[in-house]
Amino acid sequence: LSGSVAGGVLAQLVDLGAPMLARAGILVA
């Protein structure tokens, strides 16, 4: 719920690539 909404909003506010970068960062963590 939190990730998909945040991903959709992030894509709307930045671009469709931004959620990919967020995903990579969380996986490193």
PDB file of all heavy atoms in Angstrom:
ATOM      1  N   LEU A   1       0.831  -1.205   0.000  1.00  0.00           N
ATOM      2  CA  LEU A   1       0.000   0.000   0.000  1.00  0.00           C
ATOM      3  C   LEU A   1       0.862   1.250   0.000  1.00  0.00           C
ATOM      4  O   LEU A   1       0.698   2.146  -0.838  1.00  0.00           O
ATOM      5  CB  LEU A   1      -0.929  -0.016   1.206  1.00  0.00           C
ATOM      6  CG  LEU A   1      -1.897   1.160   1.350  1.00  0.00           C
ATOM      7  CD1 LEU A   1      -2.835   1.216   0.159  1.00  0.00           C
ATOM      8  CD2 LEU A   1      -2.680   1.055   2.643  1.00  0.00           C
ATOM      9  N   SER A   2       1.817   1.316   0.941  1.00  0.00           N
ATOM     10  CA  SER A   2       2.654   2.509   1.035  1.00  0.00           C
ATOM     11  C   SER A   2       3.594   2.619  -0.159  1.00  0.00           C
ATOM     12  O   SER A   2       3.762   3.699  -0.745  1.00  0.00           O
ATOM     13  CB  SER A   2       3.443   2.495   2.347  1.00  0.00           C
ATOM     14  OG  SER A   2       4.164   1.289   2.482  1.00  0.00           O
ATOM     15  N   GLY A   3       4.203   1.487  -0.555  1.00  0.00           N
ATOM     16  CA  GLY A   3       5.167   1.525  -1.648  1.00  0.00           C
ATOM     17  C   GLY A   3       4.544   1.827  -2.998  1.00  0.00           C
ATOM     18  O   GLY A   3       5.082   2.616  -3.776  1.00  0.00           O
ATOM     19  N   SER A   4       3.394   1.206  -3.286  1.00  0.00           N
ATOM     20  CA  SER A   4       2.775   1.415  -4.593  1.00  0.00           C
ATOM     21  C   SER A   4       2.221   2.826  -4.749  1.00  0.00           C
ATOM     22  O   SER A   4       2.335   3.433  -5.822  1.00  0.00           O
ATOM     23  CB  SER A   4       1.676   0.374  -4.837  1.00  0.00           C
ATOM     24  OG  SER A   4       0.707   0.424  -3.817  1.00  0.00           O
ATOM     25  N   VAL A   5       1.617   3.352  -3.673  1.00  0.00           N
ATOM     26  CA  VAL A   5       1.127   4.732  -3.729  1.00  0.00           C
ATOM     27  C   VAL A   5       2.301   5.692  -3.864  1.00  0.00           C
ATOM     28  O   VAL A   5       2.297   6.604  -4.700  1.00  0.00           O
ATOM     29  CB  VAL A   5       0.286   5.062  -2.490  1.00  0.00           C
ATOM     30  CG1 VAL A   5      -0.030   6.556  -2.433  1.00  0.00           C
ATOM     31  CG2 VAL A   5      -1.010   4.263  -2.498  1.00  0.00           C
ATOM     32  N   ALA A   6       3.357   5.462  -3.050  1.00  0.00           N
ATOM     33  CA  ALA A   6       4.533   6.333  -3.119  1.00  0.00           C
ATOM     34  C   ALA A   6       5.190   6.255  -4.495  1.00  0.00           C
ATOM     35  O   ALA A   6       5.623   7.270  -5.047  1.00  0.00           O
ATOM     36  CB  ALA A   6       5.530   5.948  -2.028  1.00  0.00           C
ATOM     37  N   GLY A   7       5.231   5.039  -5.067  1.00  0.00           N
ATOM     38  CA  GLY A   7       5.818   4.883  -6.395  1.00  0.00           C
ATOM     39  C   GLY A   7       5.035   5.619  -7.456  1.00  0.00           C
ATOM     40  O   GLY A   7       5.613   6.267  -8.342  1.00  0.00           O
ATOM     41  N   GLY A   8       3.693   5.515  -7.396  1.00  0.00           N
ATOM     42  CA  GLY A   8       2.854   6.221  -8.354  1.00  0.00           C
ATOM     43  C   GLY A   8       2.988   7.727  -8.234  1.00  0.00           C
ATOM     44  O   GLY A   8       3.103   8.440  -9.237  1.00  0.00           O
ATOM     45  N   VAL A   9       3.003   8.230  -6.983  1.00  0.00           N
ATOM     46  CA  VAL A   9       3.143   9.677  -6.764  1.00  0.00           C
ATOM     47  C   VAL A   9       4.527  10.143  -7.197  1.00  0.00           C
ATOM     48  O   VAL A   9       4.680  11.204  -7.810  1.00  0.00           O
ATOM     49  CB  VAL A   9       2.875  10.017  -5.283  1.00  0.00           C
ATOM     50  CG1 VAL A   9       3.217  11.463  -4.993  1.00  0.00           C
ATOM     51  CG2 VAL A   9       1.410   9.741  -4.931  1.00  0.00           C
ATOM     52  N   LEU A  10       5.547   9.334  -6.861  1.00  0.00           N
ATOM     53  CA  LEU A  10       6.918   9.687  -7.249  1.00  0.00           C
ATOM     54  C   LEU A  10       7.049   9.765  -8.769  1.00  0.00           C
ATOM     55  O   LEU A  10       7.680  10.680  -9.311  1.00  0.00           O
ATOM     56  CB  LEU A  10       7.881   8.643  -6.683  1.00  0.00           C
ATOM     57  CG  LEU A  10       9.382   8.953  -6.722  1.00  0.00           C
ATOM     58  CD1 LEU A  10       9.685  10.229  -5.943  1.00  0.00           C
ATOM     59  CD2 LEU A  10      10.172   7.783  -6.148  1.00  0.00           C
ATOM     60  N   ALA A  11       6.423   8.823  -9.470  1.00  0.00           N
ATOM     61  CA  ALA A  11       6.447   8.858 -10.937  1.00  0.00           C
ATOM     62  C   ALA A  11       5.729  10.098 -11.462  1.00  0.00           C
ATOM     63  O   ALA A  11       6.155  10.709 -12.447  1.00  0.00           O
ATOM     64  CB  ALA A  11       5.793   7.598 -11.496  1.00  0.00           C
ATOM     65  N   GLN A  12       4.630  10.492 -10.808  1.00  0.00           N
ATOM     66  CA  GLN A  12       3.859  11.660 -11.230  1.00  0.00           C
ATOM     67  C   GLN A  12       4.655  12.944 -11.016  1.00  0.00           C
ATOM     68  O   GLN A  12       4.677  13.839 -11.865  1.00  0.00           O
ATOM     69  CB  GLN A  12       2.555  11.721 -10.433  1.00  0.00           C
ATOM     70  CG  GLN A  12       1.559  12.768 -10.922  1.00  0.00           C
ATOM     71  CD  GLN A  12       0.649  12.234 -12.012  1.00  0.00           C
ATOM     72  OE1 GLN A  12       0.052  11.185 -11.868  1.00  0.00           O
ATOM     73  NE2 GLN A  12       0.557  12.958 -13.111  1.00  0.00           N
ATOM     74  N   LEU A  13       5.348  13.026  -9.858  1.00  0.00           N
ATOM     75  CA  LEU A  13       6.059  14.245  -9.495  1.00  0.00           C
ATOM     76  C   LEU A  13       7.424  14.361 -10.161  1.00  0.00           C
ATOM     77  O   LEU A  13       7.874  15.477 -10.465  1.00  0.00           O
ATOM     78  CB  LEU A  13       6.230  14.321  -7.973  1.00  0.00           C
ATOM     79  CG  LEU A  13       4.950  14.438  -7.145  1.00  0.00           C
ATOM     80  CD1 LEU A  13       5.278  14.448  -5.661  1.00  0.00           C
ATOM     81  CD2 LEU A  13       4.181  15.710  -7.534  1.00  0.00           C
ATOM     82  N   VAL A  14       8.100  13.234 -10.368  1.00  0.00           N
ATOM     83  CA  VAL A  14       9.454  13.267 -10.931  1.00  0.00           C
ATOM     84  C   VAL A  14       9.421  12.692 -12.348  1.00  0.00           C
ATOM     85  O   VAL A  14       9.333  13.421 -13.324  1.00  0.00           O
ATOM     86  CB  VAL A  14      10.451  12.497 -10.031  1.00  0.00           C
ATOM     87  CG1 VAL A  14      11.873  12.638 -10.577  1.00  0.00           C
ATOM     88  CG2 VAL A  14      10.395  13.030  -8.598  1.00  0.00           C
ATOM     89  N   ASP A  15       9.515  11.366 -12.463  1.00  0.00           N
ATOM     90  CA  ASP A  15       9.387  10.684 -13.743  1.00  0.00           C
ATOM     91  C   ASP A  15       9.232   9.195 -13.466  1.00  0.00           C
ATOM     92  O   ASP A  15       9.313   8.748 -12.316  1.00  0.00           O
ATOM     93  CB  ASP A  15      10.579  10.960 -14.677  1.00  0.00           C
ATOM     94  CG  ASP A  15      11.927  10.602 -14.054  1.00  0.00           C
ATOM     95  OD1 ASP A  15      12.016   9.568 -13.350  1.00  0.00           O
ATOM     96  OD2 ASP A  15      12.896  11.359 -14.252  1.00  0.00           O
ATOM     97  N   LEU A  16       9.027   8.406 -14.505  1.00  0.00           N
ATOM     98  CA  LEU A  16       8.774   6.978 -14.341  1.00  0.00           C
ATOM     99  C   LEU A  16      10.021   6.196 -13.911  1.00  0.00           C
ATOM    100  O   LEU A  16       9.914   5.039 -13.498  1.00  0.00           O
ATOM    101  CB  LEU A  16       8.228   6.391 -15.651  1.00  0.00           C
ATOM    102  CG  LEU A  16       6.758   6.694 -15.949  1.00  0.00           C
ATOM    103  CD1 LEU A  16       6.431   6.377 -17.403  1.00  0.00           C
ATOM    104  CD2 LEU A  16       5.841   5.908 -15.015  1.00  0.00           C
ATOM    105  N   GLY A  17      11.187   6.819 -13.994  1.00  0.00           N
ATOM    106  CA  GLY A  17      12.402   6.142 -13.554  1.00  0.00           C
ATOM    107  C   GLY A  17      12.673   6.280 -12.069  1.00  0.00           C
ATOM    108  O   GLY A  17      13.403   5.458 -11.488  1.00  0.00           O
ATOM    109  N   ALA A  18      12.097   7.306 -11.420  1.00  0.00           N
ATOM    110  CA  ALA A  18      12.390   7.562 -10.006  1.00  0.00           C
ATOM    111  C   ALA A  18      12.029   6.379  -9.097  1.00  0.00           C
ATOM    112  O   ALA A  18      12.790   6.048  -8.181  1.00  0.00           O
ATOM    113  CB  ALA A  18      11.675   8.834  -9.557  1.00  0.00           C
ATOM    114  N   PRO A  19      10.860   5.697  -9.296  1.00  0.00           N
ATOM    115  CA  PRO A  19      10.558   4.554  -8.424  1.00  0.00           C
ATOM    116  C   PRO A  19      11.591   3.428  -8.540  1.00  0.00           C
ATOM    117  O   PRO A  19      11.823   2.700  -7.575  1.00  0.00           O
ATOM    118  CB  PRO A  19       9.180   4.093  -8.922  1.00  0.00           C
ATOM    119  CG  PRO A  19       8.566   5.309  -9.527  1.00  0.00           C
ATOM    120  CD  PRO A  19       9.710   6.030 -10.155  1.00  0.00           C
ATOM    121  N   MET A  20      12.224   3.272  -9.710  1.00  0.00           N
ATOM    122  CA  MET A  20      13.257   2.246  -9.868  1.00  0.00           C
ATOM    123  C   MET A  20      14.451   2.549  -8.976  1.00  0.00           C
ATOM    124  O   MET A  20      15.018   1.655  -8.320  1.00  0.00           O
ATOM    125  CB  MET A  20      13.699   2.169 -11.333  1.00  0.00           C
ATOM    126  CG  MET A  20      12.683   1.566 -12.269  1.00  0.00           C
ATOM    127  SD  MET A  20      12.534  -0.223 -12.028  1.00  0.00           S
ATOM    128  CE  MET A  20      11.166  -0.587 -13.135  1.00  0.00           C
ATOM    129  N   LEU A  21      14.859   3.808  -8.930  1.00  0.00           N
ATOM    130  CA  LEU A  21      15.989   4.194  -8.087  1.00  0.00           C
ATOM    131  C   LEU A  21      15.656   4.016  -6.612  1.00  0.00           C
ATOM    132  O   LEU A  21      16.508   3.582  -5.817  1.00  0.00           O
ATOM    133  CB  LEU A  21      16.382   5.642  -8.374  1.00  0.00           C
ATOM    134  CG  LEU A  21      16.959   5.916  -9.770  1.00  0.00           C
ATOM    135  CD1 LEU A  21      17.260   7.400  -9.936  1.00  0.00           C
ATOM    136  CD2 LEU A  21      18.201   5.086 -10.018  1.00  0.00           C
ATOM    137  N   ALA A  22      14.405   4.322  -6.233  1.00  0.00           N
ATOM    138  CA  ALA A  22      13.995   4.123  -4.843  1.00  0.00           C
ATOM    139  C   ALA A  22      14.050   2.644  -4.473  1.00  0.00           C
ATOM    140  O   ALA A  22      14.493   2.273  -3.375  1.00  0.00           O
ATOM    141  CB  ALA A  22      12.576   4.668  -4.638  1.00  0.00           C
ATOM    142  N   ARG A  23      13.622   1.790  -5.395  1.00  0.00           N
ATOM    143  CA  ARG A  23      13.659   0.350  -5.140  1.00  0.00           C
ATOM    144  C   ARG A  23      15.092  -0.142  -4.930  1.00  0.00           C
ATOM    145  O   ARG A  23      15.368  -0.911  -4.000  1.00  0.00           O
ATOM    146  CB  ARG A  23      13.027  -0.395  -6.314  1.00  0.00           C
ATOM    147  CG  ARG A  23      12.999  -1.902  -6.121  1.00  0.00           C
ATOM    148  CD  ARG A  23      12.642  -2.613  -7.401  1.00  0.00           C
ATOM    149  NE  ARG A  23      12.408  -4.032  -7.155  1.00  0.00           N
ATOM    150  CZ  ARG A  23      12.292  -4.947  -8.103  1.00  0.00           C
ATOM    151  NH1 ARG A  23      12.408  -4.592  -9.368  1.00  0.00           N
ATOM    152  NH2 ARG A  23      12.080  -6.195  -7.808  1.00  0.00           N
ATOM    153  N   ALA A  24      16.008   0.282  -5.777  1.00  0.00           N
ATOM    154  CA  ALA A  24      17.397  -0.143  -5.649  1.00  0.00           C
ATOM    155  C   ALA A  24      17.981   0.283  -4.303  1.00  0.00           C
ATOM    156  O   ALA A  24      18.700  -0.484  -3.653  1.00  0.00           O
ATOM    157  CB  ALA A  24      18.224   0.428  -6.806  1.00  0.00           C
ATOM    158  N   GLY A  25      17.656   1.493  -3.862  1.00  0.00           N
ATOM    159  CA  GLY A  25      18.161   1.981  -2.581  1.00  0.00           C
ATOM    160  C   GLY A  25      17.658   1.158  -1.407  1.00  0.00           C
ATOM    161  O   GLY A  25      18.422   0.853  -0.477  1.00  0.00           O
ATOM    162  N   ILE A  26      16.380   0.790  -1.418  1.00  0.00           N
ATOM    163  CA  ILE A  26      15.823  -0.011  -0.324  1.00  0.00           C
ATOM    164  C   ILE A  26      16.462  -1.393  -0.292  1.00  0.00           C
ATOM    165  O   ILE A  26      16.750  -1.940   0.784  1.00  0.00           O
ATOM    166  CB  ILE A  26      14.292  -0.122  -0.468  1.00  0.00           C
ATOM    167  CG1 ILE A  26      13.644   1.255  -0.295  1.00  0.00           C
ATOM    168  CG2 ILE A  26      13.715  -1.097   0.556  1.00  0.00           C
ATOM    169  CD1 ILE A  26      12.169   1.286  -0.642  1.00  0.00           C
ATOM    170  N   LEU A  27      16.711  -1.973  -1.462  1.00  0.00           N
ATOM    171  CA  LEU A  27      17.336  -3.297  -1.518  1.00  0.00           C
ATOM    172  C   LEU A  27      18.750  -3.272  -0.948  1.00  0.00           C
ATOM    173  O   LEU A  27      19.170  -4.211  -0.258  1.00  0.00           O
ATOM    174  CB  LEU A  27      17.351  -3.809  -2.956  1.00  0.00           C
ATOM    175  CG  LEU A  27      15.995  -4.279  -3.489  1.00  0.00           C
ATOM    176  CD1 LEU A  27      16.046  -4.449  -5.008  1.00  0.00           C
ATOM    177  CD2 LEU A  27      15.567  -5.584  -2.827  1.00  0.00           C
ATOM    178  N   VAL A  28      19.496  -2.214  -1.211  1.00  0.00           N
ATOM    179  CA  VAL A  28      20.833  -2.081  -0.617  1.00  0.00           C
ATOM    180  C   VAL A  28      20.713  -2.029   0.911  1.00  0.00           C
ATOM    181  O   VAL A  28      21.490  -2.667   1.638  1.00  0.00           O
ATOM    182  CB  VAL A  28      21.540  -0.827  -1.154  1.00  0.00           C
ATOM    183  CG1 VAL A  28      22.821  -0.548  -0.366  1.00  0.00           C
ATOM    184  CG2 VAL A  28      21.872  -0.989  -2.640  1.00  0.00           C
ATOM    185  N   ALA A  29      19.730  -1.285   1.409  1.00  0.00           N
ATOM    186  CA  ALA A  29      19.520  -1.214   2.859  1.00  0.00           C
ATOM    187  C   ALA A  29      19.176  -2.582   3.441  1.00  0.00           C
ATOM    188  O   ALA A  29      19.623  -2.939   4.542  1.00  0.00           O
ATOM    189  CB  ALA A  29      18.406  -0.206   3.180  1.00  0.00           C
TER     190      ALA A  29
END
